[in-house]
Amino acid sequence: MESKEALKQYVQTEEGAKDQNAWYKLGSIYRKEENWGEALNAYAKCLELGAFNAAREATESIKRILDFRDTTWMP
């Protein structure tokens, strides 16, 4: 698996900017780090490049995490 830094550099290249798999991998790394904003941005770029069901599902999962509220301890 590529490192986050290597992927960040790669997606800045002309070829990498069009590589939906690289954007998805970068989003997955950010997601594991719970860096939700960067993960959503990477997944959005992946989706912009074409239909990619895994990115769509990951985006929805993050939105559910961010929208979750446990009313037993948080009003």
N, C-alpha and C. Protein backbone atom coordinates (compact mmCIF):
# COMPACT_ATOMS: atom_id res chain seq x y z
N MET A 1 0.84 -1.19 0.00
CA MET A 1 0.00 0.00 0.00
C MET A 1 0.88 1.24 0.00
N GLU A 2 0.48 2.24 -0.76
CA GLU A 2 1.21 3.48 -0.83
C GLU A 2 1.04 4.28 0.46
N SER A 3 2.04 5.08 0.76
CA SER A 3 1.93 5.93 1.94
C SER A 3 1.06 7.14 1.60
N LYS A 4 0.59 7.78 2.64
CA LYS A 4 -0.25 8.97 2.45
C LYS A 4 0.53 10.04 1.69
N GLU A 5 1.77 10.25 2.06
CA GLU A 5 2.57 11.29 1.42
C GLU A 5 2.79 10.98 -0.06
N ALA A 6 3.06 9.71 -0.38
CA ALA A 6 3.27 9.33 -1.77
C ALA A 6 1.99 9.54 -2.58
N LEU A 7 0.86 9.18 -2.01
CA LEU A 7 -0.41 9.38 -2.70
C LEU A 7 -0.73 10.86 -2.88
N LYS A 8 -0.47 11.65 -1.85
CA LYS A 8 -0.71 13.09 -1.96
C LYS A 8 0.12 13.70 -3.08
N GLN A 9 1.36 13.27 -3.20
CA GLN A 9 2.22 13.77 -4.28
C GLN A 9 1.72 13.28 -5.63
N TYR A 10 1.33 12.01 -5.69
CA TYR A 10 0.89 11.43 -6.95
C TYR A 10 -0.36 12.11 -7.50
N VAL A 11 -1.34 12.39 -6.63
CA VAL A 11 -2.58 13.00 -7.12
C VAL A 11 -2.37 14.46 -7.55
N GLN A 12 -1.21 15.02 -7.24
CA GLN A 12 -0.89 16.37 -7.70
C GLN A 12 -0.31 16.36 -9.12
N THR A 13 0.02 15.16 -9.62
CA THR A 13 0.53 15.05 -10.99
C THR A 13 -0.64 15.01 -11.96
N GLU A 14 -0.36 15.24 -13.23
CA GLU A 14 -1.41 15.20 -14.25
C GLU A 14 -2.06 13.83 -14.31
N GLU A 15 -1.25 12.79 -14.28
CA GLU A 15 -1.79 11.42 -14.32
C GLU A 15 -2.56 11.08 -13.05
N GLY A 16 -1.98 11.39 -11.91
CA GLY A 16 -2.59 11.07 -10.63
C GLY A 16 -3.89 11.81 -10.37
N ALA A 17 -3.99 13.03 -10.89
CA ALA A 17 -5.20 13.82 -10.68
C ALA A 17 -6.42 13.15 -11.32
N LYS A 18 -6.17 12.28 -12.30
CA LYS A 18 -7.25 11.59 -13.01
C LYS A 18 -7.44 10.15 -12.56
N ASP A 19 -6.70 9.74 -11.54
CA ASP A 19 -6.69 8.34 -11.09
C ASP A 19 -7.66 8.16 -9.92
N GLN A 20 -8.87 7.67 -10.23
CA GLN A 20 -9.88 7.53 -9.17
C GLN A 20 -9.46 6.53 -8.10
N ASN A 21 -8.68 5.52 -8.45
CA ASN A 21 -8.21 4.56 -7.44
C ASN A 21 -7.27 5.21 -6.44
N ALA A 22 -6.41 6.10 -6.92
CA ALA A 22 -5.50 6.80 -6.01
C ALA A 22 -6.27 7.70 -5.06
N TRP A 23 -7.29 8.41 -5.59
CA TRP A 23 -8.11 9.26 -4.74
C TRP A 23 -8.86 8.43 -3.70
N TYR A 24 -9.34 7.25 -4.12
CA TYR A 24 -10.05 6.38 -3.18
C TYR A 24 -9.11 5.90 -2.07
N LYS A 25 -7.90 5.48 -2.44
CA LYS A 25 -6.93 5.03 -1.45
C LYS A 25 -6.59 6.15 -0.48
N LEU A 26 -6.41 7.35 -1.01
CA LEU A 26 -6.10 8.50 -0.15
C LEU A 26 -7.27 8.78 0.80
N GLY A 27 -8.48 8.71 0.29
CA GLY A 27 -9.65 8.89 1.14
C GLY A 27 -9.73 7.85 2.23
N SER A 28 -9.37 6.62 1.90
CA SER A 28 -9.38 5.54 2.89
C SER A 28 -8.36 5.76 4.00
N ILE A 29 -7.21 6.28 3.62
CA ILE A 29 -6.19 6.59 4.64
C ILE A 29 -6.72 7.67 5.57
N TYR A 30 -7.26 8.73 5.00
CA TYR A 30 -7.82 9.80 5.83
C TYR A 30 -8.97 9.29 6.70
N ARG A 31 -9.76 8.41 6.16
CA ARG A 31 -10.89 7.85 6.92
C ARG A 31 -10.38 7.06 8.13
N LYS A 32 -9.35 6.26 7.94
CA LYS A 32 -8.77 5.51 9.06
C LYS A 32 -8.20 6.43 10.13
N GLU A 33 -7.72 7.59 9.70
CA GLU A 33 -7.19 8.59 10.64
C GLU A 33 -8.31 9.43 11.27
N GLU A 34 -9.55 9.18 10.85
CA GLU A 34 -10.71 9.96 11.28
C GLU A 34 -10.59 11.43 10.89
N ASN A 35 -9.90 11.67 9.78
CA ASN A 35 -9.79 13.01 9.22
C ASN A 35 -10.92 13.13 8.20
N TRP A 36 -12.12 13.35 8.71
CA TRP A 36 -13.35 13.24 7.92
C TRP A 36 -13.40 14.21 6.76
N GLY A 37 -13.01 15.44 6.96
CA GLY A 37 -13.07 16.44 5.90
C GLY A 37 -12.19 16.07 4.71
N GLU A 38 -10.96 15.69 4.99
CA GLU A 38 -10.05 15.30 3.91
C GLU A 38 -10.52 14.02 3.24
N ALA A 39 -11.06 13.10 4.02
CA ALA A 39 -11.58 11.87 3.43
C ALA A 39 -12.74 12.17 2.49
N LEU A 40 -13.66 13.01 2.92
CA LEU A 40 -14.79 13.38 2.07
C LEU A 40 -14.32 14.08 0.79
N ASN A 41 -13.32 14.94 0.92
CA ASN A 41 -12.79 15.63 -0.27
C ASN A 41 -12.18 14.64 -1.26
N ALA A 42 -11.40 13.68 -0.74
CA ALA A 42 -10.77 12.69 -1.62
C ALA A 42 -11.83 11.81 -2.29
N TYR A 43 -12.82 11.38 -1.52
CA TYR A 43 -13.89 10.57 -2.10
C TYR A 43 -14.70 11.36 -3.12
N ALA A 44 -14.91 12.65 -2.86
CA ALA A 44 -15.64 13.49 -3.81
C ALA A 44 -14.89 13.59 -5.13
N LYS A 45 -13.58 13.72 -5.05
CA LYS A 45 -12.77 13.77 -6.27
C LYS A 45 -12.86 12.43 -7.01
N CYS A 46 -12.85 11.35 -6.27
CA CYS A 46 -13.00 10.01 -6.85
C CYS A 46 -14.33 9.91 -7.59
N LEU A 47 -15.39 10.36 -6.96
CA LEU A 47 -16.72 10.31 -7.58
C LEU A 47 -16.81 11.22 -8.80
N GLU A 48 -16.14 12.36 -8.73
CA GLU A 48 -16.13 13.30 -9.84
C GLU A 48 -15.50 12.67 -11.10
N LEU A 49 -14.57 11.76 -10.87
CA LEU A 49 -13.87 11.13 -11.98
C LEU A 49 -14.65 9.96 -12.59
N GLY A 50 -15.70 9.54 -11.96
CA GLY A 50 -16.51 8.46 -12.51
C GLY A 50 -17.27 7.74 -11.42
N ALA A 51 -18.21 6.92 -11.84
CA ALA A 51 -19.02 6.16 -10.88
C ALA A 51 -18.12 5.16 -10.16
N PHE A 52 -18.07 5.24 -8.86
CA PHE A 52 -17.21 4.39 -8.05
C PHE A 52 -17.99 4.09 -6.78
N ASN A 53 -18.68 2.96 -6.78
CA ASN A 53 -19.60 2.63 -5.69
C ASN A 53 -18.95 2.62 -4.32
N ALA A 54 -17.72 2.14 -4.22
CA ALA A 54 -17.06 2.09 -2.91
C ALA A 54 -16.89 3.49 -2.34
N ALA A 55 -16.54 4.46 -3.16
CA ALA A 55 -16.37 5.83 -2.69
C ALA A 55 -17.71 6.41 -2.24
N ARG A 56 -18.76 6.09 -2.97
CA ARG A 56 -20.10 6.57 -2.60
C ARG A 56 -20.51 5.97 -1.24
N GLU A 57 -20.27 4.68 -1.07
CA GLU A 57 -20.62 4.03 0.20
C GLU A 57 -19.79 4.58 1.35
N ALA A 58 -18.50 4.83 1.12
CA ALA A 58 -17.64 5.38 2.16
C ALA A 58 -18.10 6.78 2.55
N THR A 59 -18.49 7.57 1.56
CA THR A 59 -18.99 8.92 1.83
C THR A 59 -20.24 8.86 2.69
N GLU A 60 -21.16 7.98 2.36
CA GLU A 60 -22.38 7.84 3.14
C GLU A 60 -22.07 7.37 4.57
N SER A 61 -21.11 6.49 4.70
CA SER A 61 -20.72 6.00 6.03
C SER A 61 -20.17 7.14 6.89
N ILE A 62 -19.32 7.98 6.31
CA ILE A 62 -18.77 9.12 7.05
C ILE A 62 -19.89 10.08 7.44
N LYS A 63 -20.82 10.32 6.53
CA LYS A 63 -21.94 11.22 6.85
C LYS A 63 -22.77 10.67 8.01
N ARG A 64 -22.96 9.34 8.04
CA ARG A 64 -23.70 8.74 9.17
C ARG A 64 -22.93 8.92 10.47
N ILE A 65 -21.62 8.78 10.42
CA ILE A 65 -20.80 8.98 11.62
C ILE A 65 -20.93 10.42 12.10
N LEU A 66 -20.82 11.35 11.19
CA LEU A 66 -20.88 12.77 11.56
C LEU A 66 -22.26 13.20 12.02
N ASP A 67 -23.29 12.55 11.52
CA ASP A 67 -24.66 12.89 11.90
C ASP A 67 -25.14 12.19 13.16
N PHE A 68 -24.38 11.20 13.63
CA PHE A 68 -24.81 10.41 14.78
C PHE A 68 -24.84 11.27 16.03
N ARG A 69 -25.88 11.06 16.80
CA ARG A 69 -25.99 11.75 18.09
C ARG A 69 -26.67 10.81 19.06
N ASP A 70 -25.99 10.49 20.13
CA ASP A 70 -26.56 9.64 21.16
C ASP A 70 -27.34 10.52 22.13
N THR A 71 -28.65 10.47 22.04
CA THR A 71 -29.50 11.36 22.85
C THR A 71 -29.52 10.97 24.33
N THR A 72 -28.94 9.82 24.69
CA THR A 72 -28.89 9.45 26.10
C THR A 72 -27.82 10.23 26.85
N TRP A 73 -26.83 10.77 26.15
CA TRP A 73 -25.79 11.54 26.83
C TRP A 73 -25.53 12.90 26.19
N MET A 74 -26.15 13.15 25.05
CA MET A 74 -25.96 14.44 24.38
C MET A 74 -27.32 14.96 23.94
N PRO A 75 -27.73 16.10 24.45
CA PRO A 75 -29.06 16.64 24.11
C PRO A 75 -29.17 17.03 22.65
